[in-house]
Amino acid sequence: MATNPLEKQSDDGKLLTSAVARIADFWGLTNPRLGAILGVSESTASRLRSGKAELDPASKSFEAAQFLLRLFRSLDALLGSDDMSARAWLSTTNLDLEARPLDLVESFKGLMTVCDYVDAHRARV
């Protein structure tokens, strides 16, 4: 029996935008850094954080936001919901990754690499 693929809900953009804004607040991300992570301008990042704009489910920035949410959830599970530890981990040079994770996530490839790295360590727990 064939099934239809799930369609994106009209409020997906609003929900993910809200989640990304909260992640940015938890991790202390500036608008320029959030914009770099999502691949949008600093002013767009500011509008996303303030709720004046939302991510388009068909955009690349929506996909980047999904990876950012995945990273947040993985770190949250791995570090026991300790936001200070997550901030410290993100801003400290990682010997395996050969850079600070916070610097790596500013590119889409780096964001996926950091997500995969955290997920691999989480799977060992």
PDB file of N, CA and C in Angstrom:
ATOM      1  N   MET A   1       0.842  -1.179   0.000  1.00  0.00           N
ATOM      2  CA  MET A   1       0.000   0.000   0.000  1.00  0.00           C
ATOM      3  C   MET A   1       0.886   1.240   0.000  1.00  0.00           C
ATOM      4  N   ALA A   2       0.653   2.119  -0.912  1.00  0.00           N
ATOM      5  CA  ALA A   2       1.436   3.354  -1.017  1.00  0.00           C
ATOM      6  C   ALA A   2       0.901   4.390  -0.037  1.00  0.00           C
ATOM      7  N   THR A   3       1.820   5.165   0.489  1.00  0.00           N
ATOM      8  CA  THR A   3       1.407   6.251   1.373  1.00  0.00           C
ATOM      9  C   THR A   3       1.894   7.562   0.789  1.00  0.00           C
ATOM     10  N   ASN A   4       1.176   8.600   1.092  1.00  0.00           N
ATOM     11  CA  ASN A   4       1.572   9.929   0.639  1.00  0.00           C
ATOM     12  C   ASN A   4       2.639  10.474   1.570  1.00  0.00           C
ATOM     13  N   PRO A   5       3.636  11.178   1.016  1.00  0.00           N
ATOM     14  CA  PRO A   5       4.649  11.782   1.889  1.00  0.00           C
ATOM     15  C   PRO A   5       4.014  12.868   2.751  1.00  0.00           C
ATOM     16  N   LEU A   6       4.604  13.085   3.912  1.00  0.00           N
ATOM     17  CA  LEU A   6       4.102  14.130   4.792  1.00  0.00           C
ATOM     18  C   LEU A   6       4.321  15.493   4.157  1.00  0.00           C
ATOM     19  N   GLU A   7       3.315  16.291   4.197  1.00  0.00           N
ATOM     20  CA  GLU A   7       3.430  17.645   3.679  1.00  0.00           C
ATOM     21  C   GLU A   7       3.847  18.560   4.813  1.00  0.00           C
ATOM     22  N   LYS A   8       4.606  19.581   4.478  1.00  0.00           N
ATOM     23  CA  LYS A   8       5.008  20.551   5.492  1.00  0.00           C
ATOM     24  C   LYS A   8       3.777  21.334   5.932  1.00  0.00           C
ATOM     25  N   GLN A   9       3.633  21.478   7.216  1.00  0.00           N
ATOM     26  CA  GLN A   9       2.513  22.219   7.768  1.00  0.00           C
ATOM     27  C   GLN A   9       2.776  23.716   7.618  1.00  0.00           C
ATOM     28  N   SER A  10       1.724  24.478   7.556  1.00  0.00           N
ATOM     29  CA  SER A  10       1.866  25.918   7.362  1.00  0.00           C
ATOM     30  C   SER A  10       2.531  26.596   8.549  1.00  0.00           C
ATOM     31  N   ASP A  11       2.465  25.993   9.721  1.00  0.00           N
ATOM     32  CA  ASP A  11       3.077  26.613  10.897  1.00  0.00           C
ATOM     33  C   ASP A  11       4.477  26.076  11.192  1.00  0.00           C
ATOM     34  N   ASP A  12       5.025  25.232  10.315  1.00  0.00           N
ATOM     35  CA  ASP A  12       6.372  24.708  10.522  1.00  0.00           C
ATOM     36  C   ASP A  12       7.403  25.831  10.596  1.00  0.00           C
ATOM     37  N   GLY A  13       7.278  26.799   9.708  1.00  0.00           N
ATOM     38  CA  GLY A  13       8.216  27.921   9.692  1.00  0.00           C
ATOM     39  C   GLY A  13       8.150  28.726  10.977  1.00  0.00           C
ATOM     40  N   LYS A  14       6.946  28.933  11.461  1.00  0.00           N
ATOM     41  CA  LYS A  14       6.776  29.707  12.691  1.00  0.00           C
ATOM     42  C   LYS A  14       7.360  28.962  13.890  1.00  0.00           C
ATOM     43  N   LEU A  15       7.102  27.665  13.968  1.00  0.00           N
ATOM     44  CA  LEU A  15       7.616  26.871  15.095  1.00  0.00           C
ATOM     45  C   LEU A  15       9.137  26.797  15.091  1.00  0.00           C
ATOM     46  N   LEU A  16       9.713  26.541  13.920  1.00  0.00           N
ATOM     47  CA  LEU A  16      11.167  26.439  13.846  1.00  0.00           C
ATOM     48  C   LEU A  16      11.825  27.792  14.087  1.00  0.00           C
ATOM     49  N   THR A  17      11.216  28.855  13.599  1.00  0.00           N
ATOM     50  CA  THR A  17      11.744  30.199  13.841  1.00  0.00           C
ATOM     51  C   THR A  17      11.767  30.500  15.332  1.00  0.00           C
ATOM     52  N   SER A  18      10.704  30.150  16.026  1.00  0.00           N
ATOM     53  CA  SER A  18      10.635  30.353  17.471  1.00  0.00           C
ATOM     54  C   SER A  18      11.704  29.533  18.192  1.00  0.00           C
ATOM     55  N   ALA A  19      11.886  28.290  17.769  1.00  0.00           N
ATOM     56  CA  ALA A  19      12.897  27.426  18.391  1.00  0.00           C
ATOM     57  C   ALA A  19      14.298  27.981  18.166  1.00  0.00           C
ATOM     58  N   VAL A  20      14.572  28.451  16.959  1.00  0.00           N
ATOM     59  CA  VAL A  20      15.893  29.004  16.644  1.00  0.00           C
ATOM     60  C   VAL A  20      16.153  30.266  17.460  1.00  0.00           C
ATOM     61  N   ALA A  21      15.153  31.092  17.633  1.00  0.00           N
ATOM     62  CA  ALA A  21      15.311  32.302  18.441  1.00  0.00           C
ATOM     63  C   ALA A  21      15.647  31.944  19.885  1.00  0.00           C
ATOM     64  N   ARG A  22      15.004  30.920  20.413  1.00  0.00           N
ATOM     65  CA  ARG A  22      15.287  30.496  21.789  1.00  0.00           C
ATOM     66  C   ARG A  22      16.690  29.894  21.899  1.00  0.00           C
ATOM     67  N   ILE A  23      17.096  29.124  20.893  1.00  0.00           N
ATOM     68  CA  ILE A  23      18.449  28.550  20.884  1.00  0.00           C
ATOM     69  C   ILE A  23      19.480  29.675  20.869  1.00  0.00           C
ATOM     70  N   ALA A  24      19.255  30.670  20.031  1.00  0.00           N
ATOM     71  CA  ALA A  24      20.177  31.804  19.952  1.00  0.00           C
ATOM     72  C   ALA A  24      20.291  32.501  21.301  1.00  0.00           C
ATOM     73  N   ASP A  25      19.179  32.633  22.008  1.00  0.00           N
ATOM     74  CA  ASP A  25      19.208  33.239  23.342  1.00  0.00           C
ATOM     75  C   ASP A  25      19.950  32.357  24.342  1.00  0.00           C
ATOM     76  N   PHE A  26      19.664  31.057  24.332  1.00  0.00           N
ATOM     77  CA  PHE A  26      20.328  30.132  25.254  1.00  0.00           C
ATOM     78  C   PHE A  26      21.839  30.142  25.056  1.00  0.00           C
ATOM     79  N   TRP A  27      22.257  30.127  23.811  1.00  0.00           N
ATOM     80  CA  TRP A  27      23.687  30.030  23.506  1.00  0.00           C
ATOM     81  C   TRP A  27      24.368  31.387  23.375  1.00  0.00           C
ATOM     82  N   GLY A  28      23.616  32.455  23.502  1.00  0.00           N
ATOM     83  CA  GLY A  28      24.203  33.792  23.407  1.00  0.00           C
ATOM     84  C   GLY A  28      24.705  34.130  22.012  1.00  0.00           C
ATOM     85  N   LEU A  29      24.018  33.652  20.988  1.00  0.00           N
ATOM     86  CA  LEU A  29      24.427  33.930  19.610  1.00  0.00           C
ATOM     87  C   LEU A  29      24.031  35.350  19.226  1.00  0.00           C
ATOM     88  N   THR A  30      24.939  36.065  18.613  1.00  0.00           N
ATOM     89  CA  THR A  30      24.629  37.402  18.110  1.00  0.00           C
ATOM     90  C   THR A  30      23.867  37.269  16.794  1.00  0.00           C
ATOM     91  N   ASN A  31      23.243  38.352  16.372  1.00  0.00           N
ATOM     92  CA  ASN A  31      22.531  38.324  15.091  1.00  0.00           C
ATOM     93  C   ASN A  31      23.463  38.040  13.911  1.00  0.00           C
ATOM     94  N   PRO A  32      24.688  38.622  13.885  1.00  0.00           N
ATOM     95  CA  PRO A  32      25.584  38.279  12.776  1.00  0.00           C
ATOM     96  C   PRO A  32      25.946  36.789  12.751  1.00  0.00           C
ATOM     97  N   ARG A  33      26.176  36.216  13.921  1.00  0.00           N
ATOM     98  CA  ARG A  33      26.532  34.788  13.969  1.00  0.00           C
ATOM     99  C   ARG A  33      25.331  33.921  13.600  1.00  0.00           C
ATOM    100  N   LEU A  34      24.156  34.254  14.111  1.00  0.00           N
ATOM    101  CA  LEU A  34      22.956  33.496  13.763  1.00  0.00           C
ATOM    102  C   LEU A  34      22.684  33.601  12.263  1.00  0.00           C
ATOM    103  N   GLY A  35      22.869  34.792  11.718  1.00  0.00           N
ATOM    104  CA  GLY A  35      22.690  34.974  10.291  1.00  0.00           C
ATOM    105  C   GLY A  35      23.662  34.118   9.483  1.00  0.00           C
ATOM    106  N   ALA A  36      24.905  34.046   9.942  1.00  0.00           N
ATOM    107  CA  ALA A  36      25.897  33.225   9.245  1.00  0.00           C
ATOM    108  C   ALA A  36      25.516  31.748   9.302  1.00  0.00           C
ATOM    109  N   ILE A  37      25.033  31.292  10.444  1.00  0.00           N
ATOM    110  CA  ILE A  37      24.641  29.892  10.606  1.00  0.00           C
ATOM    111  C   ILE A  37      23.472  29.556   9.677  1.00  0.00           C
ATOM    112  N   LEU A  38      22.504  30.456   9.603  1.00  0.00           N
ATOM    113  CA  LEU A  38      21.302  30.206   8.803  1.00  0.00           C
ATOM    114  C   LEU A  38      21.469  30.607   7.335  1.00  0.00           C
ATOM    115  N   GLY A  39      22.548  31.334   7.043  1.00  0.00           N
ATOM    116  CA  GLY A  39      22.748  31.783   5.669  1.00  0.00           C
ATOM    117  C   GLY A  39      21.847  32.942   5.293  1.00  0.00           C
ATOM    118  N   VAL A  40      21.567  33.804   6.265  1.00  0.00           N
ATOM    119  CA  VAL A  40      20.745  34.991   6.020  1.00  0.00           C
ATOM    120  C   VAL A  40      21.502  36.215   6.516  1.00  0.00           C
ATOM    121  N   SER A  41      21.012  37.390   6.188  1.00  0.00           N
ATOM    122  CA  SER A  41      21.664  38.623   6.623  1.00  0.00           C
ATOM    123  C   SER A  41      21.446  38.857   8.121  1.00  0.00           C
ATOM    124  N   GLU A  42      22.254  39.750   8.659  1.00  0.00           N
ATOM    125  CA  GLU A  42      22.121  40.108  10.068  1.00  0.00           C
ATOM    126  C   GLU A  42      20.742  40.700  10.359  1.00  0.00           C
ATOM    127  N   SER A  43      20.244  41.524   9.445  1.00  0.00           N
ATOM    128  CA  SER A  43      18.925  42.137   9.660  1.00  0.00           C
ATOM    129  C   SER A  43      17.809  41.092   9.592  1.00  0.00           C
ATOM    130  N   THR A  44      17.948  40.104   8.720  1.00  0.00           N
ATOM    131  CA  THR A  44      16.953  39.025   8.658  1.00  0.00           C
ATOM    132  C   THR A  44      16.995  38.208   9.938  1.00  0.00           C
ATOM    133  N   ALA A  45      18.201  37.934  10.441  1.00  0.00           N
ATOM    134  CA  ALA A  45      18.329  37.206  11.706  1.00  0.00           C
ATOM    135  C   ALA A  45      17.656  37.981  12.834  1.00  0.00           C
ATOM    136  N   SER A  46      17.801  39.294  12.826  1.00  0.00           N
ATOM    137  CA  SER A  46      17.155  40.128  13.846  1.00  0.00           C
ATOM    138  C   SER A  46      15.636  40.032  13.739  1.00  0.00           C
ATOM    139  N   ARG A  47      15.121  40.073  12.510  1.00  0.00           N
ATOM    140  CA  ARG A  47      13.663  39.955  12.322  1.00  0.00           C
ATOM    141  C   ARG A  47      13.159  38.572  12.724  1.00  0.00           C
ATOM    142  N   LEU A  48      13.942  37.539  12.456  1.00  0.00           N
ATOM    143  CA  LEU A  48      13.552  36.185  12.866  1.00  0.00           C
ATOM    144  C   LEU A  48      13.470  36.096  14.385  1.00  0.00           C
ATOM    145  N   ARG A  49      14.470  36.654  15.062  1.00  0.00           N
ATOM    146  CA  ARG A  49      14.492  36.601  16.531  1.00  0.00           C
ATOM    147  C   ARG A  49      13.347  37.390  17.157  1.00  0.00           C
ATOM    148  N   SER A  50      12.964  38.480  16.517  1.00  0.00           N
ATOM    149  CA  SER A  50      11.909  39.320  17.093  1.00  0.00           C
ATOM    150  C   SER A  50      10.509  38.858  16.703  1.00  0.00           C
ATOM    151  N   GLY A  51      10.419  37.856  15.816  1.00  0.00           N
ATOM    152  CA  GLY A  51       9.113  37.353  15.403  1.00  0.00           C
ATOM    153  C   GLY A  51       8.488  38.122  14.259  1.00  0.00           C
ATOM    154  N   LYS A  52       9.229  39.051  13.659  1.00  0.00           N
ATOM    155  CA  LYS A  52       8.699  39.842  12.546  1.00  0.00           C
ATOM    156  C   LYS A  52       8.841  39.124  11.213  1.00  0.00           C
ATOM    157  N   ALA A  53       9.578  38.034  11.209  1.00  0.00           N
ATOM    158  CA  ALA A  53       9.745  37.214   9.997  1.00  0.00           C
ATOM    159  C   ALA A  53       9.796  35.760  10.446  1.00  0.00           C
ATOM    160  N   GLU A  54       9.594  34.864   9.509  1.00  0.00           N
ATOM    161  CA  GLU A  54       9.723  33.449   9.834  1.00  0.00           C
ATOM    162  C   GLU A  54      10.396  32.717   8.688  1.00  0.00           C
ATOM    163  N   LEU A  55      10.975  31.584   9.019  1.00  0.00           N
ATOM    164  CA  LEU A  55      11.692  30.782   8.034  1.00  0.00           C
ATOM    165  C   LEU A  55      10.721  30.151   7.047  1.00  0.00           C
ATOM    166  N   ASP A  56      11.110  30.157   5.785  1.00  0.00           N
ATOM    167  CA  ASP A  56      10.310  29.541   4.727  1.00  0.00           C
ATOM    168  C   ASP A  56      10.681  28.063   4.654  1.00  0.00           C
ATOM    169  N   PRO A  57       9.710  27.151   4.831  1.00  0.00           N
ATOM    170  CA  PRO A  57      10.015  25.715   4.811  1.00  0.00           C
ATOM    171  C   PRO A  57      10.687  25.227   3.523  1.00  0.00           C
ATOM    172  N   ALA A  58      10.619  25.994   2.458  1.00  0.00           N
ATOM    173  CA  ALA A  58      11.237  25.582   1.194  1.00  0.00           C
ATOM    174  C   ALA A  58      12.654  26.134   1.030  1.00  0.00           C
ATOM    175  N   SER A  59      13.169  26.840   2.034  1.00  0.00           N
ATOM    176  CA  SER A  59      14.465  27.508   1.896  1.00  0.00           C
ATOM    177  C   SER A  59      15.608  26.692   2.502  1.00  0.00           C
ATOM    178  N   LYS A  60      16.803  27.039   2.069  1.00  0.00           N
ATOM    179  CA  LYS A  60      18.017  26.415   2.611  1.00  0.00           C
ATOM    180  C   LYS A  60      18.219  26.831   4.076  1.00  0.00           C
ATOM    181  N   SER A  61      17.808  28.039   4.417  1.00  0.00           N
ATOM    182  CA  SER A  61      17.947  28.501   5.798  1.00  0.00           C
ATOM    183  C   SER A  61      17.051  27.686   6.735  1.00  0.00           C
ATOM    184  N   PHE A  62      15.918  27.220   6.239  1.00  0.00           N
ATOM    185  CA  PHE A  62      15.042  26.347   7.033  1.00  0.00           C
ATOM    186  C   PHE A  62      15.770  25.039   7.336  1.00  0.00           C
ATOM    187  N   GLU A  63      16.448  24.500   6.335  1.00  0.00           N
ATOM    188  CA  GLU A  63      17.202  23.260   6.522  1.00  0.00           C
ATOM    189  C   GLU A  63      18.352  23.467   7.516  1.00  0.00           C
ATOM    190  N   ALA A  64      19.038  24.599   7.414  1.00  0.00           N
ATOM    191  CA  ALA A  64      20.109  24.904   8.362  1.00  0.00           C
ATOM    192  C   ALA A  64      19.545  25.031   9.777  1.00  0.00           C
ATOM    193  N   ALA A  65      18.379  25.635   9.891  1.00  0.00           N
ATOM    194  CA  ALA A  65      17.733  25.787  11.198  1.00  0.00           C
ATOM    195  C   ALA A  65      17.375  24.416  11.786  1.00  0.00           C
ATOM    196  N   GLN A  66      16.961  23.484  10.925  1.00  0.00           N
ATOM    197  CA  GLN A  66      16.666  22.131  11.407  1.00  0.00           C
ATOM    198  C   GLN A  66      17.923  21.471  11.973  1.00  0.00           C
ATOM    199  N   PHE A  67      19.061  21.668  11.308  1.00  0.00           N
ATOM    200  CA  PHE A  67      20.315  21.112  11.821  1.00  0.00           C
ATOM    201  C   PHE A  67      20.718  21.797  13.125  1.00  0.00           C
ATOM    202  N   LEU A  68      20.485  23.113  13.220  1.00  0.00           N
ATOM    203  CA  LEU A  68      20.795  23.821  14.469  1.00  0.00           C
ATOM    204  C   LEU A  68      19.949  23.278  15.613  1.00  0.00           C
ATOM    205  N   LEU A  69      18.679  23.028  15.353  1.00  0.00           N
ATOM    206  CA  LEU A  69      17.802  22.438  16.366  1.00  0.00           C
ATOM    207  C   LEU A  69      18.281  21.037  16.740  1.00  0.00           C
ATOM    208  N   ARG A  70      18.683  20.260  15.748  1.00  0.00           N
ATOM    209  CA  ARG A  70      19.218  18.916  16.005  1.00  0.00           C
ATOM    210  C   ARG A  70      20.449  18.992  16.900  1.00  0.00           C
ATOM    211  N   LEU A  71      21.355  19.942  16.612  1.00  0.00           N
ATOM    212  CA  LEU A  71      22.553  20.111  17.431  1.00  0.00           C
ATOM    213  C   LEU A  71      22.181  20.499  18.853  1.00  0.00           C
ATOM    214  N   PHE A  72      21.245  21.423  18.982  1.00  0.00           N
ATOM    215  CA  PHE A  72      20.814  21.852  20.314  1.00  0.00           C
ATOM    216  C   PHE A  72      20.263  20.674  21.120  1.00  0.00           C
ATOM    217  N   ARG A  73      19.390  19.902  20.500  1.00  0.00           N
ATOM    218  CA  ARG A  73      18.768  18.772  21.202  1.00  0.00           C
ATOM    219  C   ARG A  73      19.798  17.703  21.565  1.00  0.00           C
ATOM    220  N   SER A  74      20.733  17.463  20.674  1.00  0.00           N
ATOM    221  CA  SER A  74      21.768  16.457  20.935  1.00  0.00           C
ATOM    222  C   SER A  74      22.681  16.896  22.078  1.00  0.00           C
ATOM    223  N   LEU A  75      23.109  18.159  22.046  1.00  0.00           N
ATOM    224  CA  LEU A  75      23.951  18.665  23.134  1.00  0.00           C
ATOM    225  C   LEU A  75      23.188  18.692  24.451  1.00  0.00           C
ATOM    226  N   ASP A  76      21.926  19.057  24.384  1.00  0.00           N
ATOM    227  CA  ASP A  76      21.094  19.093  25.581  1.00  0.00           C
ATOM    228  C   ASP A  76      21.001  17.705  26.219  1.00  0.00           C
ATOM    229  N   ALA A  77      20.816  16.686  25.400  1.00  0.00           N
ATOM    230  CA  ALA A  77      20.733  15.317  25.910  1.00  0.00           C
ATOM    231  C   ALA A  77      22.089  14.839  26.429  1.00  0.00           C
ATOM    232  N   LEU A  78      23.148  15.170  25.708  1.00  0.00           N
ATOM    233  CA  LEU A  78      24.487  14.715  26.076  1.00  0.00           C
ATOM    234  C   LEU A  78      24.991  15.383  27.350  1.00  0.00           C
ATOM    235  N   LEU A  79      24.664  16.655  27.515  1.00  0.00           N
ATOM    236  CA  LEU A  79      25.189  17.426  28.647  1.00  0.00           C
ATOM    237  C   LEU A  79      24.176  17.610  29.777  1.00  0.00           C
ATOM    238  N   GLY A  80      23.071  16.916  29.709  1.00  0.00           N
ATOM    239  CA  GLY A  80      22.106  16.955  30.793  1.00  0.00           C
ATOM    240  C   GLY A  80      21.422  18.290  30.975  1.00  0.00           C
ATOM    241  N   SER A  81      21.063  18.939  29.886  1.00  0.00           N
ATOM    242  CA  SER A  81      20.335  20.219  29.920  1.00  0.00           C
ATOM    243  C   SER A  81      21.107  21.336  30.612  1.00  0.00           C
ATOM    244  N   ASP A  82      22.427  21.265  30.576  1.00  0.00           N
ATOM    245  CA  ASP A  82      23.267  22.298  31.189  1.00  0.00           C
ATOM    246  C   ASP A  82      23.680  23.302  30.113  1.00  0.00           C
ATOM    247  N   ASP A  83      22.982  24.431  30.068  1.00  0.00           N
ATOM    248  CA  ASP A  83      23.233  25.426  29.030  1.00  0.00           C
ATOM    249  C   ASP A  83      24.641  26.015  29.109  1.00  0.00           C
ATOM    250  N   MET A  84      25.158  26.203  30.313  1.00  0.00           N
ATOM    251  CA  MET A  84      26.512  26.746  30.463  1.00  0.00           C
ATOM    252  C   MET A  84      27.552  25.783  29.887  1.00  0.00           C
ATOM    253  N   SER A  85      27.357  24.494  30.103  1.00  0.00           N
ATOM    254  CA  SER A  85      28.281  23.498  29.548  1.00  0.00           C
ATOM    255  C   SER A  85      28.197  23.484  28.027  1.00  0.00           C
ATOM    256  N   ALA A  86      26.999  23.610  27.491  1.00  0.00           N
ATOM    257  CA  ALA A  86      26.830  23.639  26.038  1.00  0.00           C
ATOM    258  C   ALA A  86      27.539  24.855  25.448  1.00  0.00           C
ATOM    259  N   ARG A  87      27.379  26.023  26.070  1.00  0.00           N
ATOM    260  CA  ARG A  87      28.060  27.230  25.601  1.00  0.00           C
ATOM    261  C   ARG A  87      29.571  27.058  25.666  1.00  0.00           C
ATOM    262  N   ALA A  88      30.038  26.466  26.767  1.00  0.00           N
ATOM    263  CA  ALA A  88      31.484  26.242  26.915  1.00  0.00           C
ATOM    264  C   ALA A  88      31.993  25.270  25.855  1.00  0.00           C
ATOM    265  N   TRP A  89      31.243  24.208  25.601  1.00  0.00           N
ATOM    266  CA  TRP A  89      31.669  23.219  24.609  1.00  0.00           C
ATOM    267  C   TRP A  89      31.731  23.863  23.222  1.00  0.00           C
ATOM    268  N   LEU A  90      30.740  24.671  22.906  1.00  0.00           N
ATOM    269  CA  LEU A  90      30.696  25.322  21.598  1.00  0.00           C
ATOM    270  C   LEU A  90      31.847  26.302  21.391  1.00  0.00           C
ATOM    271  N   SER A  91      32.286  26.954  22.444  1.00  0.00           N
ATOM    272  CA  SER A  91      33.291  28.009  22.297  1.00  0.00           C
ATOM    273  C   SER A  91      34.720  27.547  22.593  1.00  0.00           C
ATOM    274  N   THR A  92      34.906  26.275  22.889  1.00  0.00           N
ATOM    275  CA  THR A  92      36.230  25.732  23.171  1.00  0.00           C
ATOM    276  C   THR A  92      36.734  24.949  21.967  1.00  0.00           C
ATOM    277  N   THR A  93      38.010  25.107  21.655  1.00  0.00           N
ATOM    278  CA  THR A  93      38.580  24.368  20.529  1.00  0.00           C
ATOM    279  C   THR A  93      38.470  22.877  20.786  1.00  0.00           C
ATOM    280  N   ASN A  94      37.946  22.173  19.802  1.00  0.00           N
ATOM    281  CA  ASN A  94      37.761  20.727  19.887  1.00  0.00           C
ATOM    282  C   ASN A  94      38.893  20.070  19.102  1.00  0.00           C
ATOM    283  N   LEU A  95      39.661  19.206  19.759  1.00  0.00           N
ATOM    284  CA  LEU A  95      40.807  18.584  19.106  1.00  0.00           C
ATOM    285  C   LEU A  95      40.393  17.674  17.958  1.00  0.00           C
ATOM    286  N   ASP A  96      39.277  16.972  18.091  1.00  0.00           N
ATOM    287  CA  ASP A  96      38.818  16.091  17.020  1.00  0.00           C
ATOM    288  C   ASP A  96      38.373  16.894  15.794  1.00  0.00           C
ATOM    289  N   LEU A  97      37.673  17.984  16.044  1.00  0.00           N
ATOM    290  CA  LEU A  97      37.155  18.811  14.950  1.00  0.00           C
ATOM    291  C   LEU A  97      38.188  19.820  14.444  1.00  0.00           C
ATOM    292  N   GLU A  98      39.250  20.017  15.224  1.00  0.00           N
ATOM    293  CA  GLU A  98      40.342  20.941  14.911  1.00  0.00           C
ATOM    294  C   GLU A  98      39.879  22.390  14.780  1.00  0.00           C
ATOM    295  N   ALA A  99      38.870  22.750  15.534  1.00  0.00           N
ATOM    296  CA  ALA A  99      38.356  24.122  15.542  1.00  0.00           C
ATOM    297  C   ALA A  99      37.317  24.244  16.657  1.00  0.00           C
ATOM    298  N   ARG A 100      36.886  25.471  16.884  1.00  0.00           N
ATOM    299  CA  ARG A 100      35.783  25.673  17.818  1.00  0.00           C
ATOM    300  C   ARG A 100      34.494  25.322  17.096  1.00  0.00           C
ATOM    301  N   PRO A 101      33.637  24.492  17.693  1.00  0.00           N
ATOM    302  CA  PRO A 101      32.374  24.150  17.038  1.00  0.00           C
ATOM    303  C   PRO A 101      31.561  25.380  16.632  1.00  0.00           C
ATOM    304  N   LEU A 102      31.614  26.427  17.429  1.00  0.00           N
ATOM    305  CA  LEU A 102      30.871  27.648  17.126  1.00  0.00           C
ATOM    306  C   LEU A 102      31.347  28.288  15.821  1.00  0.00           C
ATOM    307  N   ASP A 103      32.627  28.150  15.517  1.00  0.00           N
ATOM    308  CA  ASP A 103      33.145  28.673  14.255  1.00  0.00           C
ATOM    309  C   ASP A 103      32.754  27.764  13.094  1.00  0.00           C
ATOM    310  N   LEU A 104      32.757  26.468  13.330  1.00  0.00           N
ATOM    311  CA  LEU A 104      32.434  25.513  12.271  1.00  0.00           C
ATOM    312  C   LEU A 104      30.984  25.618  11.812  1.00  0.00           C
ATOM    313  N   VAL A 105      30.069  25.861  12.748  1.00  0.00           N
ATOM    314  CA  VAL A 105      28.643  25.852  12.396  1.00  0.00           C
ATOM    315  C   VAL A 105      28.234  27.033  11.519  1.00  0.00           C
ATOM    316  N   GLU A 106      29.145  27.960  11.268  1.00  0.00           N
ATOM    317  CA  GLU A 106      28.820  29.091  10.406  1.00  0.00           C
ATOM    318  C   GLU A 106      28.766  28.702   8.931  1.00  0.00           C
ATOM    319  N   SER A 107      29.209  27.490   8.606  1.00  0.00           N
ATOM    320  CA  SER A 107      29.026  26.978   7.244  1.00  0.00           C
ATOM    321  C   SER A 107      28.096  25.771   7.332  1.00  0.00           C
ATOM    322  N   PHE A 108      27.371  25.521   6.257  1.00  0.00           N
ATOM    323  CA  PHE A 108      26.418  24.408   6.276  1.00  0.00           C
ATOM    324  C   PHE A 108      27.142  23.076   6.459  1.00  0.00           C
ATOM    325  N   LYS A 109      28.262  22.907   5.781  1.00  0.00           N
ATOM    326  CA  LYS A 109      29.041  21.682   5.911  1.00  0.00           C
ATOM    327  C   LYS A 109      29.552  21.519   7.344  1.00  0.00           C
ATOM    328  N   GLY A 110      30.028  22.614   7.931  1.00  0.00           N
ATOM    329  CA  GLY A 110      30.514  22.571   9.308  1.00  0.00           C
ATOM    330  C   GLY A 110      29.399  22.249  10.289  1.00  0.00           C
ATOM    331  N   LEU A 111      28.217  22.795  10.050  1.00  0.00           N
ATOM    332  CA  LEU A 111      27.065  22.522  10.909  1.00  0.00           C
ATOM    333  C   LEU A 111      26.717  21.034  10.878  1.00  0.00           C
ATOM    334  N   MET A 112      26.725  20.452   9.688  1.00  0.00           N
ATOM    335  CA  MET A 112      26.436  19.019   9.573  1.00  0.00           C
ATOM    336  C   MET A 112      27.541  18.187  10.242  1.00  0.00           C
ATOM    337  N   THR A 113      28.784  18.605  10.096  1.00  0.00           N
ATOM    338  CA  THR A 113      29.906  17.891  10.706  1.00  0.00           C
ATOM    339  C   THR A 113      29.789  17.894  12.228  1.00  0.00           C
ATOM    340  N   VAL A 114      29.487  19.054  12.798  1.00  0.00           N
ATOM    341  CA  VAL A 114      29.352  19.158  14.256  1.00  0.00           C
ATOM    342  C   VAL A 114      28.158  18.337  14.739  1.00  0.00           C
ATOM    343  N   CYS A 115      27.050  18.380  14.014  1.00  0.00           N
ATOM    344  CA  CYS A 115      25.877  17.571  14.370  1.00  0.00           C
ATOM    345  C   CYS A 115      26.232  16.086  14.376  1.00  0.00           C
ATOM    346  N   ASP A 116      26.893  15.636  13.333  1.00  0.00           N
ATOM    347  CA  ASP A 116      27.273  14.230  13.244  1.00  0.00           C
ATOM    348  C   ASP A 116      28.233  13.843  14.363  1.00  0.00           C
ATOM    349  N   TYR A 117      29.163  14.723  14.684  1.00  0.00           N
ATOM    350  CA  TYR A 117      30.133  14.468  15.753  1.00  0.00           C
ATOM    351  C   TYR A 117      29.424  14.298  17.100  1.00  0.00           C
ATOM    352  N   VAL A 118      28.526  15.229  17.412  1.00  0.00           N
ATOM    353  CA  VAL A 118      27.809  15.153  18.694  1.00  0.00           C
ATOM    354  C   VAL A 118      26.907  13.925  18.732  1.00  0.00           C
ATOM    355  N   ASP A 119      26.223  13.642  17.636  1.00  0.00           N
ATOM    356  CA  ASP A 119      25.362  12.465  17.584  1.00  0.00           C
ATOM    357  C   ASP A 119      26.159  11.179  17.753  1.00  0.00           C
ATOM    358  N   ALA A 120      27.348  11.127  17.193  1.00  0.00           N
ATOM    359  CA  ALA A 120      28.192   9.921  17.335  1.00  0.00           C
ATOM    360  C   ALA A 120      28.609   9.724  18.793  1.00  0.00           C
ATOM    361  N   HIS A 121      28.924  10.806  19.487  1.00  0.00           N
ATOM    362  CA  HIS A 121      29.281  10.686  20.905  1.00  0.00           C
ATOM    363  C   HIS A 121      28.074  10.372  21.771  1.00  0.00           C
ATOM    364  N   ARG A 122      26.944  10.907  21.367  1.00  0.00           N
ATOM    365  CA  ARG A 122      25.706  10.640  22.108  1.00  0.00           C
ATOM    366  C   ARG A 122      25.318   9.167  21.976  1.00  0.00           C
ATOM    367  N   ALA A 123      25.566   8.575  20.845  1.00  0.00           N
ATOM    368  CA  ALA A 123      25.211   7.175  20.624  1.00  0.00           C
ATOM    369  C   ALA A 123      26.033   6.231  21.501  1.00  0.00           C
ATOM    370  N   ARG A 124      27.238   6.668  21.893  1.00  0.00           N
ATOM    371  CA  ARG A 124      28.096   5.831  22.725  1.00  0.00           C
ATOM    372  C   ARG A 124      27.651   5.806  24.181  1.00  0.00           C
ATOM    373  N   VAL A 125      26.879   6.797  24.588  1.00  0.00           N
ATOM    374  CA  VAL A 125      26.472   6.908  26.002  1.00  0.00           C
ATOM    375  C   VAL A 125      25.515   5.808  26.360  1.00  0.00           C
TER     376      VAL A 125
END
